[in-house]
Structure formats: C-alpha cells, structure tokens
C-alpha cells in the first residue's frame, strides 16, 4: 500500500469539475424553459456564474428555501419557489456513461479529486457517487466559489499538493483561467468525451 501511495504522489493529482465535465447537468436546458423565449445561452451562463443569489447558496450562506425564494424573484420566474426547487434538484442527472468505471481504474495510480461549485441539495444527491474520489470538494463547504482565487488555494491545501502538481478540468473558461492564475495546470473541456480526449492527450490511460 505504501508503494502504491508513493507511486500516486509522483503523478499529478487529477481534479475535475462535476457538472458539464463528469456529470450530465441540464441547468442550461432546464433554466431557459423557465424564462422568456430567445435568451442567449452565453449570456445566461455569465448571469448564472455571477448571480448573487447562486453565489450565496453555493457558498453555504443560505438555506435551500431562502435560495429558491430569492432566485424566483431575481430571475423573474412565474413559478413558485417550491416548484423551482423541484426543478433545480433535478438538473444534475448523474455521471456520464463510463465515468465511474474509468475513475475506478485510475484511482490506484492517481490521486483523484473533484472541485465543484455546488450546494447542500445537489451534494447530498450524489453523496454515494462521490466516494470514487480521494477528496471531494464543494464550494458550499469551503465557503467560496470558482472562479475566486481563494477556492483554488484552499483546495490545494486540502489536497496537500503544490499547485503545479494539480491537473484541473473544467467546462467554464473563467474557472480554467483562475486555476491557471493560481498555479494549477488547467484545461477547458466539454462533457466526458472532451475530458477523456484531454486526458488521453496528456498521457493518462482512459
């Protein structure tokens, strides 16, 4: 076991975002259905990333009910807070096909981690699936969200790795740039197919 751990420490820590990288997330198909037609998807992504309501919830600063009520008001939704919360809970749908098997195969050889902007609702939904990682880190537990620099410093400390020893994969360009600014090696990927392609290009057997 010690030899195995030594082997893993000689290799980079593989750290993944969850939604849009390892987990199929319907937020940007589900959310537009609740809004007036014709919303630009890139604008919605930016609005979501910088929403004060989402940042409070995914930094662990408010309850799910408080979040839902504030979100309905901030985004001008025509459904109730409880109806929105039911929709919100459903948006992350689970690992893409092949993710769990690949991570199980990699874990004896690499330290595996995830770093996600998430919340208590979604984190508990995937609690069993997260056991595939050596370390699972969420913004709502750390009290800070990507792309803020502090979350990458806090994560590196939790992982007990120098920043340059962490290989990070995220679907949002802002998060990738922030990770790189913190000294991490980071790549923007889309979905599991894009993640596997990038891993293979880096010499990781997937």
C-alpha atoms as a PDB file:
ATOM      1  CA  UNK A   1       0.000   0.000   0.000  1.00  0.00           C
ATOM      2  CA  UNK A   2       2.837   2.418   0.789  1.00  0.00           C
ATOM      3  CA  UNK A   3       4.432   1.728  -2.599  1.00  0.00           C
ATOM      4  CA  UNK A   4       1.075   2.416  -4.252  1.00  0.00           C
ATOM      5  CA  UNK A   5       0.710   5.711  -2.385  1.00  0.00           C
ATOM      6  CA  UNK A   6       4.272   6.706  -3.302  1.00  0.00           C
ATOM      7  CA  UNK A   7       3.501   5.959  -6.958  1.00  0.00           C
ATOM      8  CA  UNK A   8       0.406   8.124  -6.864  1.00  0.00           C
ATOM      9  CA  UNK A   9       2.249  11.037  -5.239  1.00  0.00           C
ATOM     10  CA  UNK A  10       4.797  11.022  -8.045  1.00  0.00           C
ATOM     11  CA  UNK A  11       1.997  11.634 -10.529  1.00  0.00           C
ATOM     12  CA  UNK A  12      -0.241  14.709 -10.758  1.00  0.00           C
ATOM     13  CA  UNK A  13      -3.480  14.894  -8.835  1.00  0.00           C
ATOM     14  CA  UNK A  14      -6.360  14.708 -11.322  1.00  0.00           C
ATOM     15  CA  UNK A  15      -9.018  17.198 -10.194  1.00  0.00           C
ATOM     16  CA  UNK A  16     -12.341  17.534 -12.005  1.00  0.00           C
ATOM     17  CA  UNK A  17     -15.247  19.903 -12.049  1.00  0.00           C
ATOM     18  CA  UNK A  18     -18.505  17.926 -11.904  1.00  0.00           C
ATOM     19  CA  UNK A  19     -21.384  19.478 -13.883  1.00  0.00           C
ATOM     20  CA  UNK A  20     -20.635  19.534 -17.600  1.00  0.00           C
ATOM     21  CA  UNK A  21     -17.426  17.526 -17.124  1.00  0.00           C
ATOM     22  CA  UNK A  22     -18.251  14.273 -15.295  1.00  0.00           C
ATOM     23  CA  UNK A  23     -21.935  14.817 -14.536  1.00  0.00           C
ATOM     24  CA  UNK A  24     -24.658  15.460 -17.077  1.00  0.00           C
ATOM     25  CA  UNK A  25     -26.227  18.738 -15.987  1.00  0.00           C
ATOM     26  CA  UNK A  26     -29.427  20.077 -17.543  1.00  0.00           C
ATOM     27  CA  UNK A  27     -29.197  23.544 -15.994  1.00  0.00           C
ATOM     28  CA  UNK A  28     -28.806  25.317 -19.342  1.00  0.00           C
ATOM     29  CA  UNK A  29     -31.653  23.403 -20.910  1.00  0.00           C
ATOM     30  CA  UNK A  30     -33.908  23.455 -17.844  1.00  0.00           C
ATOM     31  CA  UNK A  31     -33.367  27.107 -16.942  1.00  0.00           C
ATOM     32  CA  UNK A  32     -34.211  28.578 -20.381  1.00  0.00           C
ATOM     33  CA  UNK A  33     -37.518  26.675 -20.270  1.00  0.00           C
ATOM     34  CA  UNK A  34     -38.459  28.787 -17.230  1.00  0.00           C
ATOM     35  CA  UNK A  35     -37.537  32.089 -18.887  1.00  0.00           C
ATOM     36  CA  UNK A  36     -38.975  34.109 -21.786  1.00  0.00           C
ATOM     37  CA  UNK A  37     -38.038  32.689 -25.179  1.00  0.00           C
ATOM     38  CA  UNK A  38     -34.980  33.930 -27.036  1.00  0.00           C
ATOM     39  CA  UNK A  39     -32.487  34.055 -24.154  1.00  0.00           C
ATOM     40  CA  UNK A  40     -28.876  33.925 -25.376  1.00  0.00           C
ATOM     41  CA  UNK A  41     -27.166  30.892 -23.827  1.00  0.00           C
ATOM     42  CA  UNK A  42     -23.770  32.573 -23.387  1.00  0.00           C
ATOM     43  CA  UNK A  43     -25.438  35.482 -21.592  1.00  0.00           C
ATOM     44  CA  UNK A  44     -27.338  33.055 -19.363  1.00  0.00           C
ATOM     45  CA  UNK A  45     -24.101  31.287 -18.451  1.00  0.00           C
ATOM     46  CA  UNK A  46     -22.496  34.559 -17.401  1.00  0.00           C
ATOM     47  CA  UNK A  47     -25.576  35.636 -15.472  1.00  0.00           C
ATOM     48  CA  UNK A  48     -25.675  32.278 -13.680  1.00  0.00           C
ATOM     49  CA  UNK A  49     -21.968  32.396 -12.836  1.00  0.00           C
ATOM     50  CA  UNK A  50     -22.223  35.880 -11.324  1.00  0.00           C
ATOM     51  CA  UNK A  51     -25.702  35.695  -9.757  1.00  0.00           C
ATOM     52  CA  UNK A  52     -25.546  36.954  -6.167  1.00  0.00           C
ATOM     53  CA  UNK A  53     -28.308  34.520  -5.164  1.00  0.00           C
ATOM     54  CA  UNK A  54     -26.492  31.479  -6.548  1.00  0.00           C
ATOM     55  CA  UNK A  55     -23.204  32.635  -5.053  1.00  0.00           C
ATOM     56  CA  UNK A  56     -24.806  32.870  -1.607  1.00  0.00           C
ATOM     57  CA  UNK A  57     -26.336  29.406  -1.838  1.00  0.00           C
ATOM     58  CA  UNK A  58     -23.279  27.719  -3.315  1.00  0.00           C
ATOM     59  CA  UNK A  59     -21.046  29.401  -0.746  1.00  0.00           C
ATOM     60  CA  UNK A  60     -23.155  27.842   2.017  1.00  0.00           C
ATOM     61  CA  UNK A  61     -24.591  31.160   3.205  1.00  0.00           C
ATOM     62  CA  UNK A  62     -28.323  30.478   2.944  1.00  0.00           C
ATOM     63  CA  UNK A  63     -30.824  27.636   3.108  1.00  0.00           C
ATOM     64  CA  UNK A  64     -32.424  25.963   0.099  1.00  0.00           C
ATOM     65  CA  UNK A  65     -35.762  27.650   0.793  1.00  0.00           C
ATOM     66  CA  UNK A  66     -34.129  31.078   1.072  1.00  0.00           C
ATOM     67  CA  UNK A  67     -32.258  30.429  -2.149  1.00  0.00           C
ATOM     68  CA  UNK A  68     -35.391  29.383  -4.048  1.00  0.00           C
ATOM     69  CA  UNK A  69     -37.389  32.391  -2.935  1.00  0.00           C
ATOM     70  CA  UNK A  70     -34.599  34.813  -3.820  1.00  0.00           C
ATOM     71  CA  UNK A  71     -33.886  33.111  -7.167  1.00  0.00           C
ATOM     72  CA  UNK A  72     -37.521  33.279  -8.302  1.00  0.00           C
ATOM     73  CA  UNK A  73     -37.519  36.995  -7.517  1.00  0.00           C
ATOM     74  CA  UNK A  74     -34.092  37.757  -9.022  1.00  0.00           C
ATOM     75  CA  UNK A  75     -34.807  35.922 -12.282  1.00  0.00           C
ATOM     76  CA  UNK A  76     -38.479  36.916 -12.549  1.00  0.00           C
ATOM     77  CA  UNK A  77     -39.809  33.368 -12.744  1.00  0.00           C
ATOM     78  CA  UNK A  78     -43.545  32.740 -12.958  1.00  0.00           C
ATOM     79  CA  UNK A  79     -43.440  29.559 -10.849  1.00  0.00           C
ATOM     80  CA  UNK A  80     -43.398  29.263  -7.073  1.00  0.00           C
ATOM     81  CA  UNK A  81     -40.248  28.850  -5.037  1.00  0.00           C
ATOM     82  CA  UNK A  82     -41.130  25.241  -4.180  1.00  0.00           C
ATOM     83  CA  UNK A  83     -41.767  24.419  -7.857  1.00  0.00           C
ATOM     84  CA  UNK A  84     -38.451  25.952  -8.832  1.00  0.00           C
ATOM     85  CA  UNK A  85     -36.626  23.980  -6.125  1.00  0.00           C
ATOM     86  CA  UNK A  86     -38.025  20.728  -7.516  1.00  0.00           C
ATOM     87  CA  UNK A  87     -36.761  21.686 -10.999  1.00  0.00           C
ATOM     88  CA  UNK A  88     -33.395  22.773  -9.637  1.00  0.00           C
ATOM     89  CA  UNK A  89     -32.908  19.488  -7.783  1.00  0.00           C
ATOM     90  CA  UNK A  90     -33.446  17.507 -11.000  1.00  0.00           C
ATOM     91  CA  UNK A  91     -30.986  19.400 -13.211  1.00  0.00           C
ATOM     92  CA  UNK A  92     -27.812  17.405 -12.373  1.00  0.00           C
ATOM     93  CA  UNK A  93     -28.676  13.975 -13.754  1.00  0.00           C
ATOM     94  CA  UNK A  94     -25.695  11.778 -12.836  1.00  0.00           C
ATOM     95  CA  UNK A  95     -22.358  10.636 -14.214  1.00  0.00           C
ATOM     96  CA  UNK A  96     -21.949  10.324 -17.953  1.00  0.00           C
ATOM     97  CA  UNK A  97     -21.676   6.713 -19.144  1.00  0.00           C
ATOM     98  CA  UNK A  98     -18.223   5.305 -18.459  1.00  0.00           C
ATOM     99  CA  UNK A  99     -17.105   7.917 -15.916  1.00  0.00           C
ATOM    100  CA  UNK A 100     -17.326   5.771 -12.771  1.00  0.00           C
ATOM    101  CA  UNK A 101     -15.585   2.816 -14.397  1.00  0.00           C
ATOM    102  CA  UNK A 102     -12.737   4.970 -15.698  1.00  0.00           C
ATOM    103  CA  UNK A 103     -12.213   6.704 -12.366  1.00  0.00           C
ATOM    104  CA  UNK A 104     -12.162   3.378 -10.527  1.00  0.00           C
ATOM    105  CA  UNK A 105      -9.467   2.176 -12.943  1.00  0.00           C
ATOM    106  CA  UNK A 106      -7.398   5.360 -12.496  1.00  0.00           C
ATOM    107  CA  UNK A 107      -7.628   5.599  -8.716  1.00  0.00           C
ATOM    108  CA  UNK A 108      -4.930   3.036  -7.879  1.00  0.00           C
ATOM    109  CA  UNK A 109      -2.488   5.083  -9.954  1.00  0.00           C
ATOM    110  CA  UNK A 110      -3.595   8.707  -9.465  1.00  0.00           C
ATOM    111  CA  UNK A 111      -4.890  10.825  -6.625  1.00  0.00           C
ATOM    112  CA  UNK A 112      -8.420  11.756  -7.726  1.00  0.00           C
ATOM    113  CA  UNK A 113     -10.366  14.829  -6.625  1.00  0.00           C
ATOM    114  CA  UNK A 114     -13.274  16.994  -7.644  1.00  0.00           C
ATOM    115  CA  UNK A 115     -13.762  20.713  -7.106  1.00  0.00           C
ATOM    116  CA  UNK A 116     -17.278  21.871  -7.858  1.00  0.00           C
ATOM    117  CA  UNK A 117     -19.456  24.901  -7.388  1.00  0.00           C
ATOM    118  CA  UNK A 118     -22.259  23.061  -5.637  1.00  0.00           C
ATOM    119  CA  UNK A 119     -24.728  23.217  -2.776  1.00  0.00           C
ATOM    120  CA  UNK A 120     -26.107  21.068   0.004  1.00  0.00           C
ATOM    121  CA  UNK A 121     -29.035  19.799  -2.081  1.00  0.00           C
ATOM    122  CA  UNK A 122     -27.008  18.533  -5.023  1.00  0.00           C
ATOM    123  CA  UNK A 123     -24.087  17.374  -2.878  1.00  0.00           C
ATOM    124  CA  UNK A 124     -26.315  15.085  -0.849  1.00  0.00           C
ATOM    125  CA  UNK A 125     -27.957  13.808  -4.057  1.00  0.00           C
ATOM    126  CA  UNK A 126     -24.610  12.487  -5.308  1.00  0.00           C
ATOM    127  CA  UNK A 127     -23.081  11.509  -1.956  1.00  0.00           C
ATOM    128  CA  UNK A 128     -22.678   7.841  -2.904  1.00  0.00           C
ATOM    129  CA  UNK A 129     -21.142   8.630  -6.312  1.00  0.00           C
ATOM    130  CA  UNK A 130     -18.562  10.965  -4.762  1.00  0.00           C
ATOM    131  CA  UNK A 131     -16.889   8.055  -2.973  1.00  0.00           C
ATOM    132  CA  UNK A 132     -14.967   7.382  -6.203  1.00  0.00           C
ATOM    133  CA  UNK A 133     -12.738  10.387  -5.353  1.00  0.00           C
ATOM    134  CA  UNK A 134      -9.995  10.508  -2.746  1.00  0.00           C
ATOM    135  CA  UNK A 135     -11.124  14.053  -1.965  1.00  0.00           C
ATOM    136  CA  UNK A 136     -14.431  15.685  -2.950  1.00  0.00           C
ATOM    137  CA  UNK A 137     -14.546  19.464  -2.512  1.00  0.00           C
ATOM    138  CA  UNK A 138     -17.567  21.722  -2.894  1.00  0.00           C
ATOM    139  CA  UNK A 139     -17.891  25.493  -2.786  1.00  0.00           C
ATOM    140  CA  UNK A 140     -20.689  25.314  -0.209  1.00  0.00           C
ATOM    141  CA  UNK A 141     -18.331  23.516   2.192  1.00  0.00           C
ATOM    142  CA  UNK A 142     -15.307  25.733   1.511  1.00  0.00           C
ATOM    143  CA  UNK A 143     -17.351  28.953   1.712  1.00  0.00           C
ATOM    144  CA  UNK A 144     -16.017  30.303  -1.589  1.00  0.00           C
ATOM    145  CA  UNK A 145     -16.810  29.732  -5.264  1.00  0.00           C
ATOM    146  CA  UNK A 146     -14.931  29.354  -8.504  1.00  0.00           C
ATOM    147  CA  UNK A 147     -13.592  31.458 -10.152  1.00  0.00           C
ATOM    148  CA  UNK A 148     -12.454  33.219  -6.944  1.00  0.00           C
ATOM    149  CA  UNK A 149      -8.739  32.648  -6.372  1.00  0.00           C
ATOM    150  CA  UNK A 150      -9.196  31.587  -2.770  1.00  0.00           C
ATOM    151  CA  UNK A 151     -11.025  28.364  -3.616  1.00  0.00           C
ATOM    152  CA  UNK A 152      -8.022  27.085  -5.553  1.00  0.00           C
ATOM    153  CA  UNK A 153      -5.624  27.938  -2.724  1.00  0.00           C
ATOM    154  CA  UNK A 154      -7.933  26.224  -0.213  1.00  0.00           C
ATOM    155  CA  UNK A 155      -8.314  23.164  -2.438  1.00  0.00           C
ATOM    156  CA  UNK A 156      -4.545  22.810  -2.949  1.00  0.00           C
ATOM    157  CA  UNK A 157      -4.107  22.872   0.823  1.00  0.00           C
ATOM    158  CA  UNK A 158      -6.806  20.195   1.289  1.00  0.00           C
ATOM    159  CA  UNK A 159      -5.165  18.057  -1.404  1.00  0.00           C
ATOM    160  CA  UNK A 160      -1.716  18.578   0.160  1.00  0.00           C
ATOM    161  CA  UNK A 161      -0.293  19.289  -3.284  1.00  0.00           C
ATOM    162  CA  UNK A 162       1.732  22.115  -4.762  1.00  0.00           C
ATOM    163  CA  UNK A 163      -0.425  23.987  -7.322  1.00  0.00           C
ATOM    164  CA  UNK A 164       1.665  22.805 -10.285  1.00  0.00           C
ATOM    165  CA  UNK A 165       1.037  19.187  -9.254  1.00  0.00           C
ATOM    166  CA  UNK A 166      -2.721  19.545  -9.824  1.00  0.00           C
ATOM    167  CA  UNK A 167      -4.262  18.906 -13.244  1.00  0.00           C
ATOM    168  CA  UNK A 168      -7.705  20.515 -13.351  1.00  0.00           C
ATOM    169  CA  UNK A 169     -10.523  20.040 -15.881  1.00  0.00           C
ATOM    170  CA  UNK A 170     -13.492  22.443 -16.039  1.00  0.00           C
ATOM    171  CA  UNK A 171     -16.064  23.416 -18.650  1.00  0.00           C
ATOM    172  CA  UNK A 172     -16.037  27.153 -17.813  1.00  0.00           C
ATOM    173  CA  UNK A 173     -13.256  29.286 -19.271  1.00  0.00           C
ATOM    174  CA  UNK A 174     -13.321  31.669 -16.283  1.00  0.00           C
ATOM    175  CA  UNK A 175     -12.636  28.820 -13.878  1.00  0.00           C
ATOM    176  CA  UNK A 176      -9.807  27.469 -16.014  1.00  0.00           C
ATOM    177  CA  UNK A 177      -8.132  30.882 -16.206  1.00  0.00           C
ATOM    178  CA  UNK A 178      -8.484  31.373 -12.444  1.00  0.00           C
ATOM    179  CA  UNK A 179      -6.968  27.942 -11.760  1.00  0.00           C
ATOM    180  CA  UNK A 180      -4.051  28.736 -14.059  1.00  0.00           C
ATOM    181  CA  UNK A 181      -3.538  32.068 -12.277  1.00  0.00           C
ATOM    182  CA  UNK A 182      -3.326  30.099  -9.009  1.00  0.00           C
ATOM    183  CA  UNK A 183      -0.528  27.971 -10.500  1.00  0.00           C
ATOM    184  CA  UNK A 184      -2.606  24.922 -11.418  1.00  0.00           C
ATOM    185  CA  UNK A 185      -2.338  23.127 -14.757  1.00  0.00           C
ATOM    186  CA  UNK A 186      -5.859  23.542 -16.128  1.00  0.00           C
ATOM    187  CA  UNK A 187      -7.796  22.774 -19.296  1.00  0.00           C
ATOM    188  CA  UNK A 188     -11.263  23.664 -20.533  1.00  0.00           C
ATOM    189  CA  UNK A 189     -13.239  20.561 -21.540  1.00  0.00           C
ATOM    190  CA  UNK A 190     -16.817  19.853 -22.528  1.00  0.00           C
ATOM    191  CA  UNK A 191     -18.519  16.710 -21.270  1.00  0.00           C
ATOM    192  CA  UNK A 192     -16.971  13.314 -20.688  1.00  0.00           C
ATOM    193  CA  UNK A 193     -15.914  12.863 -24.312  1.00  0.00           C
ATOM    194  CA  UNK A 194     -13.942  16.111 -24.187  1.00  0.00           C
ATOM    195  CA  UNK A 195     -12.475  15.209 -20.807  1.00  0.00           C
ATOM    196  CA  UNK A 196     -11.336  11.785 -21.992  1.00  0.00           C
ATOM    197  CA  UNK A 197      -9.781  13.317 -25.094  1.00  0.00           C
ATOM    198  CA  UNK A 198      -7.801  15.783 -22.984  1.00  0.00           C
ATOM    199  CA  UNK A 199      -6.713  13.121 -20.506  1.00  0.00           C
ATOM    200  CA  UNK A 200      -5.503  10.889 -23.343  1.00  0.00           C
ATOM    201  CA  UNK A 201      -3.580  13.798 -24.871  1.00  0.00           C
ATOM    202  CA  UNK A 202      -1.818  14.202 -21.520  1.00  0.00           C
ATOM    203  CA  UNK A 203      -0.860  10.530 -21.447  1.00  0.00           C
ATOM    204  CA  UNK A 204      -3.440   9.422 -18.885  1.00  0.00           C
ATOM    205  CA  UNK A 205      -4.731   5.945 -19.857  1.00  0.00           C
ATOM    206  CA  UNK A 206      -8.507   6.261 -20.335  1.00  0.00           C
END
